[in-house]
Each structure stands twice: as C-alpha cells, then as structure tokens.
Amino acid sequence: MERTGLKSPSAVAICSFILVNALFSLMVLLTEGELYDTNLLQNREVFKLIQTQADSCDVLFMGSSVIEVPLSLLDGVFEYVSSPKKAQELLSTGCKQEIRVKNLSIEAALISDQFIAIRNLIRTQKAPRIAVLAVVPRDFSDARLPEPEKTDTFKSLVTLSDLEILPIFFNKFDQYAQFTWTRLIPLYRFRTVITTAIAAKLQLFIDGQHANQNARREQPLPSNANRTKVGREERFIASLKEYKTAYSLLDKSSAPDAQLQFLRRFCQQCKISDTTCIVLMLPLTKMNRDLLPRGFYEIYSRAVLRSCSEAGVPCIELEHCSNFSDDDFYDGAHLNAEGAKKILTSLIPQICKELAVKH
C-alpha cells in the first residue's frame, strides 16, 4: 500500500507555499522593517513615521499634498519634509514659545486616510497636542479613488488588528474575504510590488539603463520629483487636467457623505486622546473652483462647517480670505511658499489659544 502524507505532491506544495511566504515576510522584516503597498515613494516614508515615530509633537499637520507641498516649498525643497523648519519658526515666534511641529501629510489621501493615520498615532501613544487637518474638496471625493479601501493608506496601514473598524469600510462579504486573504498571504498582498520590481529588473536588463520610477505608479498622481522640471504655466495646465479627472464623479447635489463621516470620526479620535483638532479649509484657485459642479463648493463648505460645529472643533475657512491670490499658488491646487506663510499666519491666533488652554 502506497503511503501518502507529507510525501504527496499537494502536501509538499502547501508546505513550500507556507515556507516561501514565511521567508518573504522574514526578508521584509530584516531589510525594510516594513513593506508598504504604495505607489508613491513619499507615502512609504510617511507610513514608516506613523508606525515608528518615537515621540509626539505640539502641532501636527495632516492632510493630502495640498498641505505637504506648501510646507515643503516654504523650507525651499521640492520633496516631503517631516519636520518643517520654517513652519516651526513662524509658529514659535507667533506664539512666543517653542513649538515642535511635524508634518505627516499623505499624498493623494482622502479624509478616511487621515482617520486611519490619527488612529494609529493614538494607539501607539504618539498623538500630538494639536492636529491641524487641512482639507479641500478633492480630499472628500476623487474619481481615481472611488472607495476608501483602495487608497495606499488603507492597504498599507490597516491590518488584521483593525477588525473593529472594518464595518465602516466594508459592507460585502467578498470585501472581508479579500482583506483577510491579502493580510494572511504576504506574496498575494505584495503581488503588485513584486511584479513591478521584477518588471523593472527585466527592463534594466533589456535596455541596459535605469527603469523609469514613474512606471511603478498605477495612478497619474502628482510627483515630488517633477516639481522642478516644468514651468508655472505647464504646472497649471497639468493641474487642470488632473483635477478635471479627479472631480469627474462628484455628486452635484450633496457633499460626499462617506468622507464627511470620516471627518467626524477623525474629530472623535482626537477627543479620545485629548488632542485639539483644528480643521483648516484651504483656498482654491478660480481655475480649480470652476471645475467643481455649480454650487458644490457652497454645499461642501456648509457640510464641513456643520460637521466641525457638531463635533465642537474649530474650523478656519480660508477660501473667502482676501489675503490669497493666484500668485500664492504653485499650481492650480497647491499653495507655494508665500501661500504657506499666509496659512501659518491665519493659524497662529487659534494655535496660541489652544496651547494656552492646555497649559
């Protein structure tokens, strides 16, 4: 009688599959510490800071690239800055005390991503004293990211230890199954990362030159690396095309309710950790506003102000502030260094007030 057991082909295949996954996980832990399922290299740095940052800070800026870009440009650089020096100097001088400032903005993020990020900081006891959440309409709805679980942040930071928050993201069994499958099988979860790396190596072998890093990105989202390579007019044209696509699925009758719920949850998370939340509604260029459905900005503005009021959170709306003009914008959506100074100036009274209360 022929013996089966571990010598059978299926058992050997299963054991081999488990071993390969285990070795892959070990390789990740020994090299990068974490392997993030993200298409934007800057986000990998942000996610690592969220998970490993050793201390908290006084003021933490959060949001998408709409706050990341101006803070970086204010420091005179064209890449992500986690500790913006000029912002720290301006706030410290304005409030006449030393203020530690950090920036954990996530490119191409939705409000749901900010909820995930602040929740991670609170769980690891790294919550800031004040969280400044910068928002624009795109953060509530982006046609390229139709569902919150499709973002880099969700795929990289939400794990099996976060099962209690999955019901606010999922409503179908297959979503839970897909989530569990990707978290339990590392080779499946990082299949895009792996295949992209293999494709890059093959391209390097075939062409004999470095593969273009932009080919690693699945979505045509803004790139830090391209900021110095085009002129102002070209940047505004590119921004027009990008946001025309991003706004293409905006509901013409109401603000995006799902992301408004996440805004409320963000505020609730801050209260749990005794973190003061300040919502900052950033201004838009006329070019960008004209891309929105008629009347949408007013609906969006009222909805955000109402949500903040119900949560007892201060909200500063800069859209109707006469201090801003198109000269304060780097492109059609992102403020430049001068715009960043005006943002910080508008924040100083509220930040000084909140810090005084906390003392």
Protein backbone atom coordinates (compact mmCIF):
# COMPACT_ATOMS: atom_id res chain seq x y z
CA MET A 1 0.00 0.00 0.00
CA GLU A 2 1.47 3.35 -1.07
CA ARG A 3 1.96 5.84 1.75
CA THR A 4 0.64 9.39 1.37
CA GLY A 5 1.04 12.15 3.99
CA LEU A 6 3.80 14.74 3.58
CA LYS A 7 5.26 12.97 0.56
CA SER A 8 2.19 13.65 -1.54
CA PRO A 9 2.59 16.43 -4.15
CA SER A 10 -0.21 18.53 -2.65
CA ALA A 11 1.26 18.43 0.87
CA VAL A 12 4.71 19.34 -0.46
CA ALA A 13 3.22 22.23 -2.45
CA ILE A 14 1.32 23.54 0.58
CA CYS A 15 4.39 23.33 2.82
CA SER A 16 6.52 25.01 0.15
CA PHE A 17 3.97 27.81 -0.24
CA ILE A 18 3.88 28.40 3.53
CA LEU A 19 7.69 28.35 3.70
CA VAL A 20 8.11 30.82 0.84
CA ASN A 21 5.61 33.22 2.44
CA ALA A 22 7.38 32.92 5.78
CA LEU A 23 10.78 33.58 4.19
CA PHE A 24 9.38 36.54 2.27
CA SER A 25 7.95 38.06 5.48
CA LEU A 26 11.27 37.50 7.25
CA MET A 27 13.15 39.14 4.38
CA VAL A 28 10.90 42.19 4.62
CA LEU A 29 11.39 42.48 8.37
CA LEU A 30 15.17 42.14 8.13
CA THR A 31 15.57 44.69 5.34
CA GLU A 32 13.00 47.47 5.20
CA GLY A 33 11.31 46.86 8.54
CA GLU A 34 8.01 47.29 6.70
CA LEU A 35 6.98 46.81 3.09
CA TYR A 36 4.24 49.23 2.16
CA ASP A 37 1.74 48.53 -0.56
CA THR A 38 2.02 52.01 -2.05
CA ASN A 39 2.66 53.54 -5.46
CA LEU A 40 4.02 56.80 -4.06
CA LEU A 41 7.51 56.61 -2.58
CA GLN A 42 6.88 59.59 -0.30
CA ASN A 43 3.99 57.76 1.32
CA ARG A 44 6.29 54.92 2.38
CA GLU A 45 8.28 57.40 4.43
CA VAL A 46 5.13 58.86 5.97
CA PHE A 47 3.74 55.43 6.85
CA LYS A 48 7.02 54.43 8.46
CA LEU A 49 6.97 57.62 10.54
CA ILE A 50 3.38 56.95 11.62
CA GLN A 51 4.32 53.48 12.81
CA THR A 52 7.77 54.17 14.28
CA GLN A 53 7.91 57.86 15.26
CA ALA A 54 9.42 57.91 18.75
CA ASP A 55 7.73 61.00 20.17
CA SER A 56 4.72 63.20 19.75
CA CYS A 57 4.72 66.93 18.98
CA ASP A 58 2.89 70.14 19.74
CA VAL A 59 1.43 70.77 16.28
CA LEU A 60 0.95 68.08 13.67
CA PHE A 61 -0.07 68.98 10.12
CA MET A 62 -2.19 66.35 8.40
CA GLY A 63 -3.90 66.22 5.02
CA SER A 64 -3.02 65.49 1.42
CA SER A 65 -0.44 67.11 -0.86
CA VAL A 66 -2.34 70.41 -0.52
CA ILE A 67 -0.57 70.96 2.83
CA GLU A 68 2.54 68.87 2.13
CA VAL A 69 3.58 70.94 -0.91
CA PRO A 70 3.40 74.44 0.63
CA LEU A 71 5.19 73.35 3.81
CA SER A 72 7.97 71.78 1.73
CA LEU A 73 8.28 74.81 -0.57
CA LEU A 74 8.46 77.07 2.48
CA ASP A 75 11.59 75.17 3.51
CA GLY A 76 12.95 75.64 -0.01
CA VAL A 77 12.84 71.99 -1.02
CA PHE A 78 10.83 70.00 -3.54
CA GLU A 79 10.33 66.83 -1.53
CA TYR A 80 8.40 65.71 1.53
CA VAL A 81 9.56 67.27 4.83
CA SER A 82 8.51 65.57 8.07
CA SER A 83 9.83 68.36 10.31
CA PRO A 84 9.15 71.68 8.55
CA LYS A 85 11.69 74.12 10.00
CA LYS A 86 10.21 77.38 8.70
CA ALA A 87 6.74 76.44 9.91
CA GLN A 88 8.15 75.70 13.35
CA GLU A 89 10.00 79.04 13.41
CA LEU A 90 6.92 81.03 12.36
CA LEU A 91 4.58 79.35 14.84
CA SER A 92 7.11 79.56 17.68
CA THR A 93 7.71 83.27 17.02
CA GLY A 94 3.99 83.99 16.66
CA CYS A 95 3.09 82.24 19.92
CA LYS A 96 6.27 83.35 21.74
CA GLN A 97 7.15 79.84 22.85
CA GLU A 98 8.96 76.84 21.44
CA ILE A 99 6.55 74.74 19.39
CA ARG A 100 7.51 71.35 17.99
CA VAL A 101 5.99 70.95 14.54
CA LYS A 102 5.64 67.76 12.47
CA ASN A 103 4.10 67.04 9.09
CA LEU A 104 2.50 63.68 8.30
CA SER A 105 0.58 64.65 5.17
CA ILE A 106 -0.19 61.81 2.76
CA GLU A 107 -0.19 62.43 -0.98
CA ALA A 108 -3.43 61.62 -2.81
CA ALA A 109 -5.14 60.92 0.52
CA LEU A 110 -8.82 61.02 1.41
CA ILE A 111 -10.26 62.07 4.78
CA SER A 112 -10.61 58.36 5.61
CA ASP A 113 -6.82 58.10 5.36
CA GLN A 114 -6.40 60.85 7.95
CA PHE A 115 -8.72 58.90 10.26
CA ILE A 116 -6.53 55.81 9.85
CA ALA A 117 -3.36 57.83 10.46
CA ILE A 118 -4.55 59.61 13.63
CA ARG A 119 -5.93 56.33 14.96
CA ASN A 120 -2.52 54.69 14.53
CA LEU A 121 -0.80 57.58 16.31
CA ILE A 122 -3.26 57.42 19.20
CA ARG A 123 -2.90 53.64 19.60
CA THR A 124 0.88 53.98 19.86
CA GLN A 125 0.61 56.94 22.26
CA LYS A 126 2.12 59.41 19.81
CA ALA A 127 -0.84 61.72 19.47
CA PRO A 128 0.03 65.42 19.07
CA ARG A 129 -1.25 68.21 21.31
CA ILE A 130 -2.83 69.88 18.29
CA ALA A 131 -3.73 68.22 14.98
CA VAL A 132 -4.25 70.62 12.07
CA LEU A 133 -6.25 68.85 9.38
CA ALA A 134 -6.07 70.71 6.06
CA VAL A 135 -8.91 69.92 3.65
CA VAL A 136 -10.05 70.72 0.11
CA PRO A 137 -12.94 69.24 -1.91
CA ARG A 138 -10.72 66.63 -3.59
CA ASP A 139 -9.97 65.06 -0.19
CA PHE A 140 -13.66 64.14 0.05
CA SER A 141 -14.02 62.67 -3.43
CA ASP A 142 -11.51 61.57 -6.06
CA ALA A 143 -12.68 59.64 -9.13
CA ARG A 144 -9.36 57.77 -9.16
CA LEU A 145 -10.03 56.51 -5.63
CA PRO A 146 -13.76 55.66 -5.67
CA GLU A 147 -13.61 53.60 -2.45
CA PRO A 148 -11.66 54.34 0.77
CA GLU A 149 -10.18 50.82 0.88
CA LYS A 150 -8.47 51.46 -2.47
CA THR A 151 -6.04 54.03 -1.06
CA ASP A 152 -2.37 53.49 -0.24
CA THR A 153 -3.07 54.28 3.40
CA PHE A 154 -5.72 51.61 3.86
CA LYS A 155 -3.73 48.94 2.01
CA SER A 156 -0.56 49.74 3.96
CA LEU A 157 -1.69 50.63 7.49
CA VAL A 158 -4.90 48.67 8.15
CA THR A 159 -4.09 45.17 9.41
CA LEU A 160 -5.91 42.23 10.99
CA SER A 161 -5.62 44.03 14.34
CA ASP A 162 -8.05 46.64 12.98
CA LEU A 163 -11.03 44.31 12.55
CA GLU A 164 -13.27 46.55 14.67
CA ILE A 165 -13.15 49.40 12.12
CA LEU A 166 -13.71 47.27 9.02
CA PRO A 167 -17.53 47.65 9.12
CA ILE A 168 -17.16 51.36 8.39
CA PHE A 169 -15.19 50.49 5.23
CA PHE A 170 -16.84 47.24 4.09
CA ASN A 171 -20.44 46.16 3.52
CA LYS A 172 -19.93 43.00 1.45
CA PHE A 173 -18.62 39.55 2.36
CA ASP A 174 -16.18 39.46 -0.57
CA GLN A 175 -14.55 42.65 0.72
CA TYR A 176 -13.85 40.99 4.06
CA ALA A 177 -12.58 37.86 2.28
CA GLN A 178 -10.26 39.86 0.04
CA PHE A 179 -8.94 41.81 3.02
CA THR A 180 -8.26 38.66 5.06
CA TRP A 181 -6.64 36.91 2.12
CA THR A 182 -4.27 39.80 1.42
CA ARG A 183 -3.25 40.13 5.06
CA LEU A 184 -2.63 36.41 5.62
CA ILE A 185 -0.70 35.76 2.39
CA PRO A 186 2.23 38.21 2.03
CA LEU A 187 3.06 37.05 -1.51
CA TYR A 188 -0.51 37.82 -2.59
CA ARG A 189 -0.70 41.15 -0.77
CA PHE A 190 2.53 42.43 -2.30
CA ARG A 191 1.99 40.89 -5.71
CA THR A 192 1.97 44.32 -7.37
CA VAL A 193 5.17 45.35 -5.61
CA ILE A 194 6.85 42.07 -6.55
CA THR A 195 5.77 42.02 -10.19
CA THR A 196 6.70 45.68 -10.58
CA ALA A 197 10.17 45.00 -9.16
CA ILE A 198 10.63 42.04 -11.50
CA ALA A 199 9.46 44.10 -14.47
CA ALA A 200 11.90 46.87 -13.55
CA LYS A 201 14.78 44.39 -13.36
CA LEU A 202 13.85 42.94 -16.73
CA GLN A 203 13.64 46.43 -18.21
CA LEU A 204 17.06 47.20 -16.75
CA PHE A 205 18.45 44.02 -18.28
CA ILE A 206 16.87 44.63 -21.69
CA ASP A 207 17.62 48.33 -22.05
CA GLY A 208 20.83 48.45 -20.04
CA GLN A 209 19.68 51.56 -18.23
CA HIS A 210 17.71 52.51 -15.15
CA ALA A 211 13.98 51.89 -15.34
CA ASN A 212 11.81 54.95 -15.07
CA GLN A 213 10.45 55.14 -11.50
CA ASN A 214 7.24 56.68 -12.79
CA ALA A 215 6.41 53.34 -14.41
CA ARG A 216 5.94 51.92 -10.92
CA ARG A 217 2.92 54.09 -10.31
CA GLU A 218 -0.51 52.80 -11.11
CA GLN A 219 -2.26 56.18 -10.95
CA PRO A 220 -1.33 59.53 -12.55
CA LEU A 221 -0.97 61.37 -9.25
CA PRO A 222 1.30 64.37 -8.51
CA SER A 223 5.02 63.65 -8.17
CA ASN A 224 7.52 65.50 -5.98
CA ALA A 225 10.25 64.62 -8.44
CA ASN A 226 8.57 66.57 -11.26
CA ARG A 227 8.07 69.83 -9.39
CA THR A 228 11.29 71.47 -10.57
CA LYS A 229 11.11 70.25 -14.17
CA VAL A 230 8.23 72.30 -15.51
CA GLY A 231 7.36 75.98 -15.56
CA ARG A 232 4.44 77.70 -13.85
CA GLU A 233 2.19 77.69 -16.92
CA GLU A 234 2.83 73.99 -17.55
CA ARG A 235 2.12 73.21 -13.89
CA PHE A 236 -1.24 74.97 -14.04
CA ILE A 237 -2.18 73.14 -17.26
CA ALA A 238 -1.20 69.78 -15.76
CA SER A 239 -3.17 70.59 -12.61
CA LEU A 240 -6.22 71.49 -14.68
CA LYS A 241 -6.16 68.08 -16.40
CA GLU A 242 -5.53 66.21 -13.17
CA TYR A 243 -8.37 67.79 -11.22
CA LYS A 244 -10.78 67.60 -14.12
CA THR A 245 -10.37 63.83 -13.82
CA ALA A 246 -10.44 63.82 -10.01
CA TYR A 247 -13.70 65.82 -9.88
CA SER A 248 -15.46 63.83 -12.61
CA LEU A 249 -17.55 61.74 -10.19
CA LEU A 250 -18.52 64.48 -7.76
CA ASP A 251 -22.14 64.37 -6.68
CA LYS A 252 -23.79 67.54 -7.95
CA SER A 253 -26.40 67.66 -5.20
CA SER A 254 -24.59 66.92 -1.93
CA ALA A 255 -21.20 66.76 -0.29
CA PRO A 256 -19.64 63.25 -0.22
CA ASP A 257 -21.36 61.80 2.85
CA ALA A 258 -18.97 58.87 3.41
CA GLN A 259 -15.91 61.08 3.80
CA LEU A 260 -17.85 63.55 5.96
CA GLN A 261 -18.47 60.64 8.32
CA PHE A 262 -14.74 60.04 8.45
CA LEU A 263 -14.20 63.71 9.25
CA ARG A 264 -16.47 63.28 12.26
CA ARG A 265 -14.61 60.12 13.25
CA PHE A 266 -11.30 61.97 12.95
CA CYS A 267 -12.59 64.60 15.37
CA GLN A 268 -13.82 61.88 17.74
CA GLN A 269 -10.42 60.16 17.68
CA CYS A 270 -8.75 63.44 18.62
CA LYS A 271 -11.10 63.86 21.60
CA ILE A 272 -10.25 60.34 22.77
CA SER A 273 -6.57 61.27 23.01
CA ASP A 274 -7.16 64.80 24.37
CA THR A 275 -5.77 66.17 21.11
CA THR A 276 -7.11 69.50 19.96
CA CYS A 277 -8.30 69.30 16.36
CA ILE A 278 -8.29 72.31 14.06
CA VAL A 279 -9.82 71.88 10.60
CA LEU A 280 -8.30 74.19 8.01
CA MET A 281 -10.27 74.68 4.79
CA LEU A 282 -7.64 75.74 2.27
CA PRO A 283 -8.35 78.17 -0.60
CA LEU A 284 -8.61 77.17 -4.26
CA THR A 285 -7.68 78.98 -7.45
CA LYS A 286 -10.57 80.21 -9.58
CA MET A 287 -9.43 77.71 -12.22
CA ASN A 288 -9.84 74.84 -9.75
CA ARG A 289 -13.18 76.06 -8.38
CA ASP A 290 -14.58 76.38 -11.88
CA LEU A 291 -14.04 72.64 -12.34
CA LEU A 292 -16.46 71.87 -9.50
CA PRO A 293 -20.16 71.34 -10.23
CA ARG A 294 -22.17 74.56 -9.89
CA GLY A 295 -22.95 75.23 -6.25
CA PHE A 296 -20.88 72.30 -4.99
CA TYR A 297 -18.31 74.36 -3.09
CA GLU A 298 -21.01 76.07 -1.06
CA ILE A 299 -22.57 72.68 -0.22
CA TYR A 300 -19.15 71.27 0.69
CA SER A 301 -18.27 74.30 2.81
CA ARG A 302 -21.54 74.22 4.77
CA ALA A 303 -21.23 70.47 5.35
CA VAL A 304 -17.68 70.73 6.71
CA LEU A 305 -18.52 73.73 8.91
CA ARG A 306 -21.61 71.92 10.24
CA SER A 307 -19.63 68.73 10.98
CA CYS A 308 -16.98 70.71 12.85
CA SER A 309 -19.58 72.63 14.80
CA GLU A 310 -21.36 69.44 15.86
CA ALA A 311 -18.02 67.96 16.96
CA GLY A 312 -17.04 71.10 18.83
CA VAL A 313 -13.98 71.57 16.62
CA PRO A 314 -12.73 74.98 15.40
CA CYS A 315 -12.78 75.35 11.62
CA ILE A 316 -10.88 78.06 9.74
CA GLU A 317 -12.11 78.70 6.22
CA LEU A 318 -9.59 80.49 4.03
CA GLU A 319 -11.43 80.37 0.69
CA HIS A 320 -13.07 83.75 1.20
CA CYS A 321 -9.99 85.32 2.78
CA SER A 322 -8.92 88.32 0.68
CA ASN A 323 -5.25 87.74 1.52
CA PHE A 324 -4.91 84.93 -1.05
CA SER A 325 -4.49 85.33 -4.80
CA ASP A 326 -3.30 83.13 -7.66
CA ASP A 327 0.23 84.42 -7.03
CA ASP A 328 0.17 82.40 -3.80
CA PHE A 329 -0.25 79.13 -5.71
CA TYR A 330 2.45 76.82 -7.03
CA ASP A 331 -0.07 75.30 -9.43
CA GLY A 332 -3.84 75.19 -9.76
CA ALA A 333 -4.34 73.33 -6.47
CA HIS A 334 -1.23 73.70 -4.27
CA LEU A 335 -0.10 76.84 -2.48
CA ASN A 336 3.52 77.99 -2.74
CA ALA A 337 5.89 79.27 -0.04
CA GLU A 338 4.12 82.65 0.22
CA GLY A 339 0.82 80.85 0.48
CA ALA A 340 2.25 78.67 3.25
CA LYS A 341 3.23 81.77 5.24
CA LYS A 342 -0.32 83.07 4.96
CA ILE A 343 -1.69 79.70 6.12
CA LEU A 344 0.53 79.76 9.21
CA THR A 345 -0.31 83.41 9.94
CA SER A 346 -4.02 82.55 9.90
CA LEU A 347 -3.38 79.65 12.30
CA ILE A 348 -1.28 81.47 14.90
CA PRO A 349 -4.15 83.01 16.96
CA GLN A 350 -6.01 79.68 17.23
CA ILE A 351 -2.86 77.66 18.00
CA CYS A 352 -1.73 80.15 20.65
CA LYS A 353 -5.18 79.99 22.22
CA GLU A 354 -5.28 76.18 22.27
CA LEU A 355 -1.76 75.85 23.68
CA ALA A 356 -2.61 78.35 26.43
CA VAL A 357 -5.65 76.28 27.40
CA LYS A 358 -3.58 73.08 27.50
CA HIS A 359 -1.05 74.70 29.82
